[in-house]
Amino acid sequence: MSRIAIKDEPSPIIHTPSFKKWAQRRSYIVTELEQLGMKPLCADQPMDGWIYFTDMEGWGKILWDLVFNSKLYKTDIFDCDKYALKAYITCCERYSLNSLLLAIGDVPLGRHGFNVFPYY
């Protein structure tokens, strides 16, 4: 079932689409990421016991809402890792999914922050 919430900013009305949701123990997700060569931040100090996620169809309904205006960009103040954190927090707040994880990796231009997510 879809939900509608009234918010003050940035838009007064936010439509939350319906999507399937699954939960998996965090330790399982950490193991899967490590097998892909990724080391989750704070892997040895789990903060959430369960990771809530959706399938590709569900992500397709919500990821568009987690792309933010580039006018927010400020070097070293609000750059790639801050965009990734904002997307993670907004995903938790609006969609009750804590699985849009922050990743830091090396790209040709240097270190870069981005999001990764599990799906069913």
C-alpha atoms as a PDB file:
ATOM      1  CA  MET A   1       0.000   0.000   0.000  1.00  0.00           C
ATOM      2  CA  SER A   2       1.314   3.444  -0.887  1.00  0.00           C
ATOM      3  CA  ARG A   3       1.605   6.154   1.747  1.00  0.00           C
ATOM      4  CA  ILE A   4       1.446   9.923   1.559  1.00  0.00           C
ATOM      5  CA  ALA A   5       3.230  12.122   4.090  1.00  0.00           C
ATOM      6  CA  ILE A   6       2.968  15.875   4.507  1.00  0.00           C
ATOM      7  CA  LYS A   7       6.381  17.519   5.002  1.00  0.00           C
ATOM      8  CA  ASP A   8       7.553  21.114   5.254  1.00  0.00           C
ATOM      9  CA  GLU A   9      10.558  20.837   2.917  1.00  0.00           C
ATOM     10  CA  PRO A  10      11.468  20.585   0.110  1.00  0.00           C
ATOM     11  CA  SER A  11       8.072  19.534  -1.226  1.00  0.00           C
ATOM     12  CA  PRO A  12       5.055  19.558   1.067  1.00  0.00           C
ATOM     13  CA  ILE A  13       3.736  16.223  -0.240  1.00  0.00           C
ATOM     14  CA  ILE A  14       5.840  13.083  -0.585  1.00  0.00           C
ATOM     15  CA  HIS A  15       4.341   9.965  -2.150  1.00  0.00           C
ATOM     16  CA  THR A  16       5.903   6.752  -0.897  1.00  0.00           C
ATOM     17  CA  PRO A  17       5.338   3.952  -3.420  1.00  0.00           C
ATOM     18  CA  SER A  18       4.573   0.420  -2.324  1.00  0.00           C
ATOM     19  CA  PHE A  19       7.286  -2.204  -2.736  1.00  0.00           C
ATOM     20  CA  LYS A  20       8.270  -5.587  -1.344  1.00  0.00           C
ATOM     21  CA  LYS A  21      10.614  -5.608   1.625  1.00  0.00           C
ATOM     22  CA  TRP A  22      12.934  -8.263   3.011  1.00  0.00           C
ATOM     23  CA  ALA A  23      15.253  -8.415   6.013  1.00  0.00           C
ATOM     24  CA  GLN A  24      18.591 -10.173   6.330  1.00  0.00           C
ATOM     25  CA  ARG A  25      21.010 -10.369   9.253  1.00  0.00           C
ATOM     26  CA  ARG A  26      23.725  -7.749   8.941  1.00  0.00           C
ATOM     27  CA  SER A  27      26.430 -10.401   9.418  1.00  0.00           C
ATOM     28  CA  TYR A  28      25.234 -12.167   6.241  1.00  0.00           C
ATOM     29  CA  ILE A  29      25.356  -8.919   4.219  1.00  0.00           C
ATOM     30  CA  VAL A  30      28.858  -8.152   5.584  1.00  0.00           C
ATOM     31  CA  THR A  31      30.061 -11.635   4.571  1.00  0.00           C
ATOM     32  CA  GLU A  32      28.591 -11.240   1.071  1.00  0.00           C
ATOM     33  CA  LEU A  33      30.261  -7.831   0.634  1.00  0.00           C
ATOM     34  CA  GLU A  34      33.608  -9.181   1.866  1.00  0.00           C
ATOM     35  CA  GLN A  35      33.395 -12.016  -0.686  1.00  0.00           C
ATOM     36  CA  LEU A  36      33.058  -9.296  -3.349  1.00  0.00           C
ATOM     37  CA  GLY A  37      36.241  -7.650  -2.027  1.00  0.00           C
ATOM     38  CA  MET A  38      34.436  -4.883  -0.128  1.00  0.00           C
ATOM     39  CA  LYS A  39      34.988  -4.094   3.537  1.00  0.00           C
ATOM     40  CA  PRO A  40      31.932  -2.439   5.056  1.00  0.00           C
ATOM     41  CA  LEU A  41      32.551   0.548   7.287  1.00  0.00           C
ATOM     42  CA  CYS A  42      32.435  -0.493  10.968  1.00  0.00           C
ATOM     43  CA  ALA A  43      32.221  -4.182   9.974  1.00  0.00           C
ATOM     44  CA  ASP A  44      33.619  -5.199  13.352  1.00  0.00           C
ATOM     45  CA  GLN A  45      31.184  -2.940  15.265  1.00  0.00           C
ATOM     46  CA  PRO A  46      27.700  -3.689  13.935  1.00  0.00           C
ATOM     47  CA  MET A  47      25.199  -0.947  14.626  1.00  0.00           C
ATOM     48  CA  ASP A  48      22.153  -2.577  13.004  1.00  0.00           C
ATOM     49  CA  GLY A  49      21.409  -6.260  13.528  1.00  0.00           C
ATOM     50  CA  TRP A  50      19.146  -6.457  10.479  1.00  0.00           C
ATOM     51  CA  ILE A  51      19.396  -4.918   7.014  1.00  0.00           C
ATOM     52  CA  TYR A  52      16.085  -4.136   5.289  1.00  0.00           C
ATOM     53  CA  PHE A  53      16.080  -4.122   1.483  1.00  0.00           C
ATOM     54  CA  THR A  54      13.892  -4.581  -1.583  1.00  0.00           C
ATOM     55  CA  ASP A  55      14.123  -6.096  -5.054  1.00  0.00           C
ATOM     56  CA  MET A  56      15.214  -4.339  -8.260  1.00  0.00           C
ATOM     57  CA  GLU A  57      11.621  -3.343  -9.006  1.00  0.00           C
ATOM     58  CA  GLY A  58      11.363  -1.714  -5.581  1.00  0.00           C
ATOM     59  CA  TRP A  59      14.702   0.078  -5.952  1.00  0.00           C
ATOM     60  CA  GLY A  60      13.477   1.305  -9.340  1.00  0.00           C
ATOM     61  CA  LYS A  61      10.555   2.990  -7.604  1.00  0.00           C
ATOM     62  CA  ILE A  62      12.654   4.836  -5.019  1.00  0.00           C
ATOM     63  CA  LEU A  63      16.187   5.492  -6.334  1.00  0.00           C
ATOM     64  CA  TRP A  64      15.021   8.417  -8.497  1.00  0.00           C
ATOM     65  CA  ASP A  65      14.034  10.167  -5.255  1.00  0.00           C
ATOM     66  CA  LEU A  66      17.546   9.743  -3.840  1.00  0.00           C
ATOM     67  CA  VAL A  67      19.341  11.750  -6.539  1.00  0.00           C
ATOM     68  CA  PHE A  68      19.951  15.253  -5.251  1.00  0.00           C
ATOM     69  CA  ASN A  69      20.471  18.678  -6.795  1.00  0.00           C
ATOM     70  CA  SER A  70      24.099  19.290  -7.772  1.00  0.00           C
ATOM     71  CA  LYS A  71      23.805  22.868  -6.492  1.00  0.00           C
ATOM     72  CA  LEU A  72      24.427  21.422  -3.005  1.00  0.00           C
ATOM     73  CA  TYR A  73      28.012  20.538  -4.024  1.00  0.00           C
ATOM     74  CA  LYS A  74      30.847  22.264  -2.144  1.00  0.00           C
ATOM     75  CA  THR A  75      34.375  20.860  -2.330  1.00  0.00           C
ATOM     76  CA  ASP A  76      35.286  18.967   0.865  1.00  0.00           C
ATOM     77  CA  ILE A  77      32.098  20.201   2.578  1.00  0.00           C
ATOM     78  CA  PHE A  78      29.269  18.607   0.590  1.00  0.00           C
ATOM     79  CA  ASP A  79      30.804  16.312  -1.985  1.00  0.00           C
ATOM     80  CA  CYS A  80      30.415  12.686  -3.076  1.00  0.00           C
ATOM     81  CA  ASP A  81      30.514  11.032   0.349  1.00  0.00           C
ATOM     82  CA  LYS A  82      28.017  13.562   1.763  1.00  0.00           C
ATOM     83  CA  TYR A  83      25.659  12.937  -1.175  1.00  0.00           C
ATOM     84  CA  ALA A  84      25.926   9.197  -0.419  1.00  0.00           C
ATOM     85  CA  LEU A  85      25.209   9.796   3.285  1.00  0.00           C
ATOM     86  CA  LYS A  86      22.239  12.026   2.434  1.00  0.00           C
ATOM     87  CA  ALA A  87      20.853   9.317   0.144  1.00  0.00           C
ATOM     88  CA  TYR A  88      21.318   6.687   2.896  1.00  0.00           C
ATOM     89  CA  ILE A  89      19.589   8.792   5.548  1.00  0.00           C
ATOM     90  CA  THR A  90      16.746   9.819   3.228  1.00  0.00           C
ATOM     91  CA  CYS A  91      16.254   6.160   2.262  1.00  0.00           C
ATOM     92  CA  CYS A  92      16.041   5.177   5.946  1.00  0.00           C
ATOM     93  CA  GLU A  93      13.679   8.034   6.768  1.00  0.00           C
ATOM     94  CA  ARG A  94      11.275   7.857   3.821  1.00  0.00           C
ATOM     95  CA  TYR A  95      11.345   4.195   2.876  1.00  0.00           C
ATOM     96  CA  SER A  96      12.397   2.385   6.086  1.00  0.00           C
ATOM     97  CA  LEU A  97      15.233   0.687   4.204  1.00  0.00           C
ATOM     98  CA  ASN A  98      18.671   0.827   5.846  1.00  0.00           C
ATOM     99  CA  SER A  99      20.443  -0.937   2.995  1.00  0.00           C
ATOM    100  CA  LEU A 100      21.594   1.920   0.742  1.00  0.00           C
ATOM    101  CA  LEU A 101      25.092   1.555   2.162  1.00  0.00           C
ATOM    102  CA  LEU A 102      27.916   4.090   1.905  1.00  0.00           C
ATOM    103  CA  ALA A 103      30.960   2.825   0.026  1.00  0.00           C
ATOM    104  CA  ILE A 104      34.345   4.476  -0.466  1.00  0.00           C
ATOM    105  CA  GLY A 105      36.406   3.302  -3.404  1.00  0.00           C
ATOM    106  CA  ASP A 106      39.176   4.169  -5.808  1.00  0.00           C
ATOM    107  CA  VAL A 107      38.303   5.527  -9.251  1.00  0.00           C
ATOM    108  CA  PRO A 108      40.633   6.995 -11.908  1.00  0.00           C
ATOM    109  CA  LEU A 109      40.303  10.479 -10.367  1.00  0.00           C
ATOM    110  CA  GLY A 110      41.009   9.254  -6.813  1.00  0.00           C
ATOM    111  CA  ARG A 111      38.862   8.281  -3.811  1.00  0.00           C
ATOM    112  CA  HIS A 112      35.107   8.459  -4.346  1.00  0.00           C
ATOM    113  CA  GLY A 113      32.041   8.015  -2.137  1.00  0.00           C
ATOM    114  CA  PHE A 114      28.968   6.261  -3.499  1.00  0.00           C
ATOM    115  CA  ASN A 115      26.159   3.914  -2.467  1.00  0.00           C
ATOM    116  CA  VAL A 116      25.796   0.156  -2.876  1.00  0.00           C
ATOM    117  CA  PHE A 117      22.679  -1.847  -2.118  1.00  0.00           C
ATOM    118  CA  PRO A 118      21.620  -5.471  -1.827  1.00  0.00           C
ATOM    119  CA  TYR A 119      18.521  -6.655  -3.646  1.00  0.00           C
ATOM    120  CA  TYR A 120      16.435  -9.785  -3.724  1.00  0.00           C
END
